[in-house]
């Protein structure tokens, strides 16, 4: 092979390598297209042309932290899950799907899956959940009343929560109670699913998260509807016998 041929072959090889680097790193260059029969990776970041991350699919070891307006904060508590998270136009987390499954030290299943959708710049507004742990199982759909981000965003809540946790323990309950009264906290509104007691239940709650109607069918088949007051005490019960 002539020196010219060797030189041209080298240039071709180098161009192919550079194209691969561009495709993998997202460097500014004309978009490349490729097809694979199979690909094995630890994490995939889906980004817009301007570099804004929109979705991350990850294994447990590389699972990301929290994203708020394009900045990531550490979340080591998430490293027991694999799955994906979704981010909105500004790079703030807007929901995700996580899952895990294993056996704990007692020989019980320690497993679960969760699909959540967050309110804008806020926490989850709806969750589809299946959880197994300590020998119990719960499967449910949960809907939450989440504050508007103009009043209290998730960043506001993080700051307020950290301030409360720094207070003496005797003052913390009153502090968080005030935040709840100010509408800074998320409140559960609807629960539909199975409970750890193996009931199938529908719980309807007021704006302060207090259960006001409980509809349930016990594991033995007994149906019941209860109406509760603000204090949590049952005011009226409707059963198969009345």
C-alpha atoms as a PDB file:
ATOM      1  CA  UNK A   1       0.000   0.000   0.000  1.00  0.00           C
ATOM      2  CA  UNK A   2       1.344   3.446  -0.938  1.00  0.00           C
ATOM      3  CA  UNK A   3       2.009   6.176   1.614  1.00  0.00           C
ATOM      4  CA  UNK A   4      -0.929   8.151   0.180  1.00  0.00           C
ATOM      5  CA  UNK A   5      -3.259   5.185   0.625  1.00  0.00           C
ATOM      6  CA  UNK A   6      -2.063   4.658   4.198  1.00  0.00           C
ATOM      7  CA  UNK A   7      -2.601   8.372   4.943  1.00  0.00           C
ATOM      8  CA  UNK A   8      -6.140   8.339   3.492  1.00  0.00           C
ATOM      9  CA  UNK A   9      -7.016   5.187   5.414  1.00  0.00           C
ATOM     10  CA  UNK A  10      -5.813   6.833   8.629  1.00  0.00           C
ATOM     11  CA  UNK A  11      -7.921   9.930   7.952  1.00  0.00           C
ATOM     12  CA  UNK A  12     -10.991   7.783   7.368  1.00  0.00           C
ATOM     13  CA  UNK A  13     -10.438   5.907  10.629  1.00  0.00           C
ATOM     14  CA  UNK A  14      -9.919   9.150  12.546  1.00  0.00           C
ATOM     15  CA  UNK A  15     -13.080  10.703  11.049  1.00  0.00           C
ATOM     16  CA  UNK A  16     -15.113   7.677  12.072  1.00  0.00           C
ATOM     17  CA  UNK A  17     -13.729   7.862  15.617  1.00  0.00           C
ATOM     18  CA  UNK A  18     -14.495  11.589  15.867  1.00  0.00           C
ATOM     19  CA  UNK A  19     -18.042  11.002  14.616  1.00  0.00           C
ATOM     20  CA  UNK A  20     -18.525   8.395  17.330  1.00  0.00           C
ATOM     21  CA  UNK A  21     -17.242  10.790  19.992  1.00  0.00           C
ATOM     22  CA  UNK A  22     -19.570  13.538  18.774  1.00  0.00           C
ATOM     23  CA  UNK A  23     -22.551  11.205  18.842  1.00  0.00           C
ATOM     24  CA  UNK A  24     -21.786   9.967  22.348  1.00  0.00           C
ATOM     25  CA  UNK A  25     -20.845  13.261  23.977  1.00  0.00           C
ATOM     26  CA  UNK A  26     -23.395  15.542  22.360  1.00  0.00           C
ATOM     27  CA  UNK A  27     -20.700  17.874  20.990  1.00  0.00           C
ATOM     28  CA  UNK A  28     -21.901  20.547  18.569  1.00  0.00           C
ATOM     29  CA  UNK A  29     -21.992  18.945  15.135  1.00  0.00           C
ATOM     30  CA  UNK A  30     -24.525  17.778  12.539  1.00  0.00           C
ATOM     31  CA  UNK A  31     -26.767  15.156  14.142  1.00  0.00           C
ATOM     32  CA  UNK A  32     -25.764  11.578  13.387  1.00  0.00           C
ATOM     33  CA  UNK A  33     -28.149   8.663  13.013  1.00  0.00           C
ATOM     34  CA  UNK A  34     -27.353   5.075  13.912  1.00  0.00           C
ATOM     35  CA  UNK A  35     -29.166   1.778  14.286  1.00  0.00           C
ATOM     36  CA  UNK A  36     -28.322  -0.939  16.805  1.00  0.00           C
ATOM     37  CA  UNK A  37     -29.713  -4.414  17.260  1.00  0.00           C
ATOM     38  CA  UNK A  38     -28.856  -4.212  20.974  1.00  0.00           C
ATOM     39  CA  UNK A  39     -27.153  -1.725  23.271  1.00  0.00           C
ATOM     40  CA  UNK A  40     -26.014  -2.194  26.885  1.00  0.00           C
ATOM     41  CA  UNK A  41     -25.510   0.940  28.998  1.00  0.00           C
ATOM     42  CA  UNK A  42     -25.668   2.086  32.618  1.00  0.00           C
ATOM     43  CA  UNK A  43     -27.424   5.385  31.954  1.00  0.00           C
ATOM     44  CA  UNK A  44     -28.929   7.319  29.048  1.00  0.00           C
ATOM     45  CA  UNK A  45     -29.468  11.102  29.114  1.00  0.00           C
ATOM     46  CA  UNK A  46     -32.051  12.396  26.637  1.00  0.00           C
ATOM     47  CA  UNK A  47     -31.314  16.051  25.832  1.00  0.00           C
ATOM     48  CA  UNK A  48     -32.672  18.833  23.638  1.00  0.00           C
ATOM     49  CA  UNK A  49     -30.441  20.400  20.921  1.00  0.00           C
ATOM     50  CA  UNK A  50     -29.556  23.182  23.385  1.00  0.00           C
ATOM     51  CA  UNK A  51     -28.364  20.630  25.949  1.00  0.00           C
ATOM     52  CA  UNK A  52     -31.413  20.765  28.267  1.00  0.00           C
ATOM     53  CA  UNK A  53     -31.927  17.351  29.847  1.00  0.00           C
ATOM     54  CA  UNK A  54     -35.480  16.048  29.338  1.00  0.00           C
ATOM     55  CA  UNK A  55     -35.315  12.432  30.490  1.00  0.00           C
ATOM     56  CA  UNK A  56     -32.803  10.164  32.220  1.00  0.00           C
ATOM     57  CA  UNK A  57     -32.948   6.374  32.154  1.00  0.00           C
ATOM     58  CA  UNK A  58     -30.546   4.882  34.675  1.00  0.00           C
ATOM     59  CA  UNK A  59     -29.420   1.870  36.594  1.00  0.00           C
ATOM     60  CA  UNK A  60     -29.279   2.001  40.404  1.00  0.00           C
ATOM     61  CA  UNK A  61     -25.602   2.887  40.733  1.00  0.00           C
ATOM     62  CA  UNK A  62     -25.833   5.950  38.461  1.00  0.00           C
ATOM     63  CA  UNK A  63     -29.341   7.120  39.360  1.00  0.00           C
ATOM     64  CA  UNK A  64     -29.505  10.941  39.365  1.00  0.00           C
ATOM     65  CA  UNK A  65     -30.385  13.350  42.137  1.00  0.00           C
ATOM     66  CA  UNK A  66     -33.027  16.103  42.153  1.00  0.00           C
ATOM     67  CA  UNK A  67     -33.193  18.541  39.257  1.00  0.00           C
ATOM     68  CA  UNK A  68     -34.490  22.081  39.749  1.00  0.00           C
ATOM     69  CA  UNK A  69     -34.219  24.645  36.950  1.00  0.00           C
ATOM     70  CA  UNK A  70     -31.309  22.830  35.367  1.00  0.00           C
ATOM     71  CA  UNK A  71     -29.296  22.244  38.545  1.00  0.00           C
ATOM     72  CA  UNK A  72     -28.861  18.830  40.128  1.00  0.00           C
ATOM     73  CA  UNK A  73     -28.826  18.299  43.908  1.00  0.00           C
ATOM     74  CA  UNK A  74     -27.507  15.076  45.510  1.00  0.00           C
ATOM     75  CA  UNK A  75     -30.077  12.434  46.497  1.00  0.00           C
ATOM     76  CA  UNK A  76     -28.151   9.449  47.889  1.00  0.00           C
ATOM     77  CA  UNK A  77     -31.447   7.985  49.158  1.00  0.00           C
ATOM     78  CA  UNK A  78     -32.375   7.261  45.548  1.00  0.00           C
ATOM     79  CA  UNK A  79     -29.526   4.844  44.994  1.00  0.00           C
ATOM     80  CA  UNK A  80     -31.680   1.859  45.951  1.00  0.00           C
ATOM     81  CA  UNK A  81     -33.769   2.304  42.780  1.00  0.00           C
ATOM     82  CA  UNK A  82     -33.392   2.051  39.032  1.00  0.00           C
ATOM     83  CA  UNK A  83     -35.716   3.711  36.555  1.00  0.00           C
ATOM     84  CA  UNK A  84     -36.235   7.041  34.831  1.00  0.00           C
ATOM     85  CA  UNK A  85     -37.064  10.645  35.633  1.00  0.00           C
ATOM     86  CA  UNK A  86     -38.749  13.268  33.464  1.00  0.00           C
ATOM     87  CA  UNK A  87     -37.751  16.940  33.294  1.00  0.00           C
ATOM     88  CA  UNK A  88     -39.742  19.855  31.921  1.00  0.00           C
ATOM     89  CA  UNK A  89     -38.708  22.646  29.534  1.00  0.00           C
ATOM     90  CA  UNK A  90     -36.666  24.492  32.181  1.00  0.00           C
ATOM     91  CA  UNK A  91     -34.858  21.390  33.450  1.00  0.00           C
ATOM     92  CA  UNK A  92     -36.965  20.825  36.582  1.00  0.00           C
ATOM     93  CA  UNK A  93     -38.020  17.315  37.547  1.00  0.00           C
ATOM     94  CA  UNK A  94     -41.653  16.664  36.660  1.00  0.00           C
ATOM     95  CA  UNK A  95     -42.144  13.014  37.587  1.00  0.00           C
ATOM     96  CA  UNK A  96     -40.663   9.611  37.044  1.00  0.00           C
ATOM     97  CA  UNK A  97     -40.775   5.854  37.286  1.00  0.00           C
ATOM     98  CA  UNK A  98     -38.655   3.939  39.790  1.00  0.00           C
ATOM     99  CA  UNK A  99     -38.501   0.308  40.829  1.00  0.00           C
ATOM    100  CA  UNK A 100     -36.573  -2.130  42.977  1.00  0.00           C
ATOM    101  CA  UNK A 101     -36.856  -5.729  44.108  1.00  0.00           C
ATOM    102  CA  UNK A 102     -34.942  -7.874  46.545  1.00  0.00           C
ATOM    103  CA  UNK A 103     -35.051  -9.842  49.788  1.00  0.00           C
ATOM    104  CA  UNK A 104     -34.441  -8.199  53.173  1.00  0.00           C
ATOM    105  CA  UNK A 105     -32.564  -9.659  56.155  1.00  0.00           C
ATOM    106  CA  UNK A 106     -35.769 -11.312  57.413  1.00  0.00           C
ATOM    107  CA  UNK A 107     -36.389 -13.122  54.153  1.00  0.00           C
ATOM    108  CA  UNK A 108     -39.274 -10.827  53.144  1.00  0.00           C
ATOM    109  CA  UNK A 109     -39.657  -9.137  49.783  1.00  0.00           C
ATOM    110  CA  UNK A 110     -38.335  -5.575  49.690  1.00  0.00           C
ATOM    111  CA  UNK A 111     -39.750  -4.429  46.375  1.00  0.00           C
ATOM    112  CA  UNK A 112     -41.894  -1.861  44.687  1.00  0.00           C
ATOM    113  CA  UNK A 113     -42.686   0.339  41.733  1.00  0.00           C
ATOM    114  CA  UNK A 114     -43.781   3.974  41.649  1.00  0.00           C
ATOM    115  CA  UNK A 115     -44.959   6.154  38.751  1.00  0.00           C
ATOM    116  CA  UNK A 116     -45.394   9.827  39.678  1.00  0.00           C
ATOM    117  CA  UNK A 117     -46.449  13.054  37.987  1.00  0.00           C
ATOM    118  CA  UNK A 118     -45.410  16.316  39.636  1.00  0.00           C
ATOM    119  CA  UNK A 119     -47.046  19.701  39.678  1.00  0.00           C
ATOM    120  CA  UNK A 120     -44.892  22.409  38.040  1.00  0.00           C
ATOM    121  CA  UNK A 121     -41.879  23.200  40.269  1.00  0.00           C
ATOM    122  CA  UNK A 122     -43.543  21.131  42.954  1.00  0.00           C
ATOM    123  CA  UNK A 123     -43.895  17.634  44.359  1.00  0.00           C
ATOM    124  CA  UNK A 124     -46.028  14.775  43.072  1.00  0.00           C
ATOM    125  CA  UNK A 125     -49.703  15.417  42.356  1.00  0.00           C
ATOM    126  CA  UNK A 126     -50.525  11.802  41.510  1.00  0.00           C
ATOM    127  CA  UNK A 127     -48.782   8.504  42.227  1.00  0.00           C
ATOM    128  CA  UNK A 128     -49.355   4.932  41.095  1.00  0.00           C
ATOM    129  CA  UNK A 129     -47.686   2.721  43.707  1.00  0.00           C
ATOM    130  CA  UNK A 130     -46.996  -0.919  44.482  1.00  0.00           C
ATOM    131  CA  UNK A 131     -44.909  -1.649  47.585  1.00  0.00           C
ATOM    132  CA  UNK A 132     -43.883  -4.802  49.432  1.00  0.00           C
ATOM    133  CA  UNK A 133     -41.980  -4.710  52.704  1.00  0.00           C
ATOM    134  CA  UNK A 134     -41.914  -6.287  56.190  1.00  0.00           C
ATOM    135  CA  UNK A 135     -44.281  -8.975  54.966  1.00  0.00           C
ATOM    136  CA  UNK A 136     -47.027  -6.550  53.895  1.00  0.00           C
ATOM    137  CA  UNK A 137     -48.246  -5.441  50.479  1.00  0.00           C
ATOM    138  CA  UNK A 138     -49.906  -2.213  49.351  1.00  0.00           C
ATOM    139  CA  UNK A 139     -51.076  -1.200  45.880  1.00  0.00           C
ATOM    140  CA  UNK A 140     -52.740   2.164  45.315  1.00  0.00           C
ATOM    141  CA  UNK A 141     -53.453   5.287  43.330  1.00  0.00           C
ATOM    142  CA  UNK A 142     -52.910   8.458  45.391  1.00  0.00           C
ATOM    143  CA  UNK A 143     -53.850  12.035  44.504  1.00  0.00           C
ATOM    144  CA  UNK A 144     -52.367  14.966  46.405  1.00  0.00           C
ATOM    145  CA  UNK A 145     -53.289  18.631  46.745  1.00  0.00           C
ATOM    146  CA  UNK A 146     -49.998  20.407  45.985  1.00  0.00           C
ATOM    147  CA  UNK A 147     -49.392  24.163  46.505  1.00  0.00           C
ATOM    148  CA  UNK A 148     -49.003  26.445  43.484  1.00  0.00           C
ATOM    149  CA  UNK A 149     -45.328  27.170  42.851  1.00  0.00           C
ATOM    150  CA  UNK A 150     -46.068  30.926  42.905  1.00  0.00           C
ATOM    151  CA  UNK A 151     -47.019  30.543  46.568  1.00  0.00           C
ATOM    152  CA  UNK A 152     -44.638  27.780  47.657  1.00  0.00           C
ATOM    153  CA  UNK A 153     -42.366  25.964  45.221  1.00  0.00           C
ATOM    154  CA  UNK A 154     -40.481  22.775  45.967  1.00  0.00           C
ATOM    155  CA  UNK A 155     -37.360  24.887  46.515  1.00  0.00           C
ATOM    156  CA  UNK A 156     -39.273  26.965  49.087  1.00  0.00           C
ATOM    157  CA  UNK A 157     -40.381  23.813  50.867  1.00  0.00           C
ATOM    158  CA  UNK A 158     -36.833  22.458  50.981  1.00  0.00           C
ATOM    159  CA  UNK A 159     -35.607  25.704  52.554  1.00  0.00           C
ATOM    160  CA  UNK A 160     -38.487  25.844  55.063  1.00  0.00           C
ATOM    161  CA  UNK A 161     -38.145  22.167  55.934  1.00  0.00           C
ATOM    162  CA  UNK A 162     -34.415  22.491  56.585  1.00  0.00           C
ATOM    163  CA  UNK A 163     -35.074  25.513  58.815  1.00  0.00           C
ATOM    164  CA  UNK A 164     -37.644  23.535  60.789  1.00  0.00           C
ATOM    165  CA  UNK A 165     -35.358  20.549  61.198  1.00  0.00           C
ATOM    166  CA  UNK A 166     -32.697  22.853  62.677  1.00  0.00           C
ATOM    167  CA  UNK A 167     -35.048  23.969  65.466  1.00  0.00           C
ATOM    168  CA  UNK A 168     -35.077  22.306  68.909  1.00  0.00           C
ATOM    169  CA  UNK A 169     -37.200  19.166  68.752  1.00  0.00           C
ATOM    170  CA  UNK A 170     -39.796  20.635  71.133  1.00  0.00           C
ATOM    171  CA  UNK A 171     -40.500  23.474  68.654  1.00  0.00           C
ATOM    172  CA  UNK A 172     -40.645  21.473  65.437  1.00  0.00           C
ATOM    173  CA  UNK A 173     -44.244  20.240  65.655  1.00  0.00           C
ATOM    174  CA  UNK A 174     -45.630  23.767  66.096  1.00  0.00           C
ATOM    175  CA  UNK A 175     -43.410  25.089  63.283  1.00  0.00           C
ATOM    176  CA  UNK A 176     -44.592  22.517  60.744  1.00  0.00           C
ATOM    177  CA  UNK A 177     -48.189  22.978  61.908  1.00  0.00           C
ATOM    178  CA  UNK A 178     -47.917  26.673  61.015  1.00  0.00           C
ATOM    179  CA  UNK A 179     -46.563  25.789  57.582  1.00  0.00           C
ATOM    180  CA  UNK A 180     -49.529  23.492  57.037  1.00  0.00           C
ATOM    181  CA  UNK A 181     -51.972  26.213  58.054  1.00  0.00           C
ATOM    182  CA  UNK A 182     -50.262  28.606  55.619  1.00  0.00           C
ATOM    183  CA  UNK A 183     -50.783  26.150  52.762  1.00  0.00           C
ATOM    184  CA  UNK A 184     -47.085  25.451  52.275  1.00  0.00           C
ATOM    185  CA  UNK A 185     -47.392  21.664  52.495  1.00  0.00           C
ATOM    186  CA  UNK A 186     -48.844  19.043  50.176  1.00  0.00           C
ATOM    187  CA  UNK A 187     -51.912  17.242  51.451  1.00  0.00           C
ATOM    188  CA  UNK A 188     -53.255  13.806  50.467  1.00  0.00           C
ATOM    189  CA  UNK A 189     -56.774  14.024  49.019  1.00  0.00           C
ATOM    190  CA  UNK A 190     -57.628  10.631  47.503  1.00  0.00           C
ATOM    191  CA  UNK A 191     -56.414   7.089  48.190  1.00  0.00           C
ATOM    192  CA  UNK A 192     -57.724   4.147  46.175  1.00  0.00           C
ATOM    193  CA  UNK A 193     -56.156   0.763  46.667  1.00  0.00           C
ATOM    194  CA  UNK A 194     -55.408  -2.114  48.987  1.00  0.00           C
ATOM    195  CA  UNK A 195     -54.137  -1.639  52.524  1.00  0.00           C
ATOM    196  CA  UNK A 196     -51.667  -3.576  54.661  1.00  0.00           C
ATOM    197  CA  UNK A 197     -54.706  -5.122  56.396  1.00  0.00           C
ATOM    198  CA  UNK A 198     -55.780  -6.485  52.979  1.00  0.00           C
ATOM    199  CA  UNK A 199     -58.792  -4.175  52.768  1.00  0.00           C
ATOM    200  CA  UNK A 200     -59.745  -2.579  49.478  1.00  0.00           C
ATOM    201  CA  UNK A 201     -60.422   1.051  50.304  1.00  0.00           C
ATOM    202  CA  UNK A 202     -61.352   4.473  48.998  1.00  0.00           C
ATOM    203  CA  UNK A 203     -60.389   7.366  51.283  1.00  0.00           C
ATOM    204  CA  UNK A 204     -61.592  10.888  50.527  1.00  0.00           C
ATOM    205  CA  UNK A 205     -59.822  13.629  52.493  1.00  0.00           C
ATOM    206  CA  UNK A 206     -60.389  17.341  53.034  1.00  0.00           C
ATOM    207  CA  UNK A 207     -57.976  20.180  52.163  1.00  0.00           C
ATOM    208  CA  UNK A 208     -56.066  19.553  55.410  1.00  0.00           C
ATOM    209  CA  UNK A 209     -55.512  15.881  54.626  1.00  0.00           C
ATOM    210  CA  UNK A 210     -58.074  14.576  57.112  1.00  0.00           C
ATOM    211  CA  UNK A 211     -60.074  11.508  56.045  1.00  0.00           C
ATOM    212  CA  UNK A 212     -63.769  12.445  55.871  1.00  0.00           C
ATOM    213  CA  UNK A 213     -65.202   9.454  53.986  1.00  0.00           C
ATOM    214  CA  UNK A 214     -63.866   5.922  54.159  1.00  0.00           C
ATOM    215  CA  UNK A 215     -65.315   3.233  51.892  1.00  0.00           C
ATOM    216  CA  UNK A 216     -63.852  -0.215  52.413  1.00  0.00           C
ATOM    217  CA  UNK A 217     -64.348  -3.917  51.873  1.00  0.00           C
ATOM    218  CA  UNK A 218     -62.491  -5.999  54.454  1.00  0.00           C
ATOM    219  CA  UNK A 219     -60.522  -9.114  53.547  1.00  0.00           C
ATOM    220  CA  UNK A 220     -63.432 -11.237  54.826  1.00  0.00           C
ATOM    221  CA  UNK A 221     -65.838  -9.459  52.434  1.00  0.00           C
ATOM    222  CA  UNK A 222     -67.496  -7.094  54.928  1.00  0.00           C
ATOM    223  CA  UNK A 223     -68.404  -3.763  53.226  1.00  0.00           C
ATOM    224  CA  UNK A 224     -68.633  -0.471  55.116  1.00  0.00           C
ATOM    225  CA  UNK A 225     -68.894   3.280  54.551  1.00  0.00           C
ATOM    226  CA  UNK A 226     -67.835   5.683  57.308  1.00  0.00           C
ATOM    227  CA  UNK A 227     -68.188   9.454  57.540  1.00  0.00           C
ATOM    228  CA  UNK A 228     -65.755  11.187  59.871  1.00  0.00           C
ATOM    229  CA  UNK A 229     -65.554  14.585  61.536  1.00  0.00           C
ATOM    230  CA  UNK A 230     -62.601  16.982  61.648  1.00  0.00           C
ATOM    231  CA  UNK A 231     -61.383  15.238  64.800  1.00  0.00           C
ATOM    232  CA  UNK A 232     -61.138  11.902  62.985  1.00  0.00           C
ATOM    233  CA  UNK A 233     -64.025  10.347  64.901  1.00  0.00           C
ATOM    234  CA  UNK A 234     -66.677   8.382  63.018  1.00  0.00           C
ATOM    235  CA  UNK A 235     -69.947  10.327  62.796  1.00  0.00           C
ATOM    236  CA  UNK A 236     -71.953   7.869  60.751  1.00  0.00           C
ATOM    237  CA  UNK A 237     -71.506   4.306  59.504  1.00  0.00           C
ATOM    238  CA  UNK A 238     -73.318   2.593  56.677  1.00  0.00           C
ATOM    239  CA  UNK A 239     -72.961  -1.184  56.552  1.00  0.00           C
ATOM    240  CA  UNK A 240     -74.763  -4.142  55.015  1.00  0.00           C
ATOM    241  CA  UNK A 241     -76.881  -4.369  58.205  1.00  0.00           C
ATOM    242  CA  UNK A 242     -78.308  -0.804  58.136  1.00  0.00           C
END
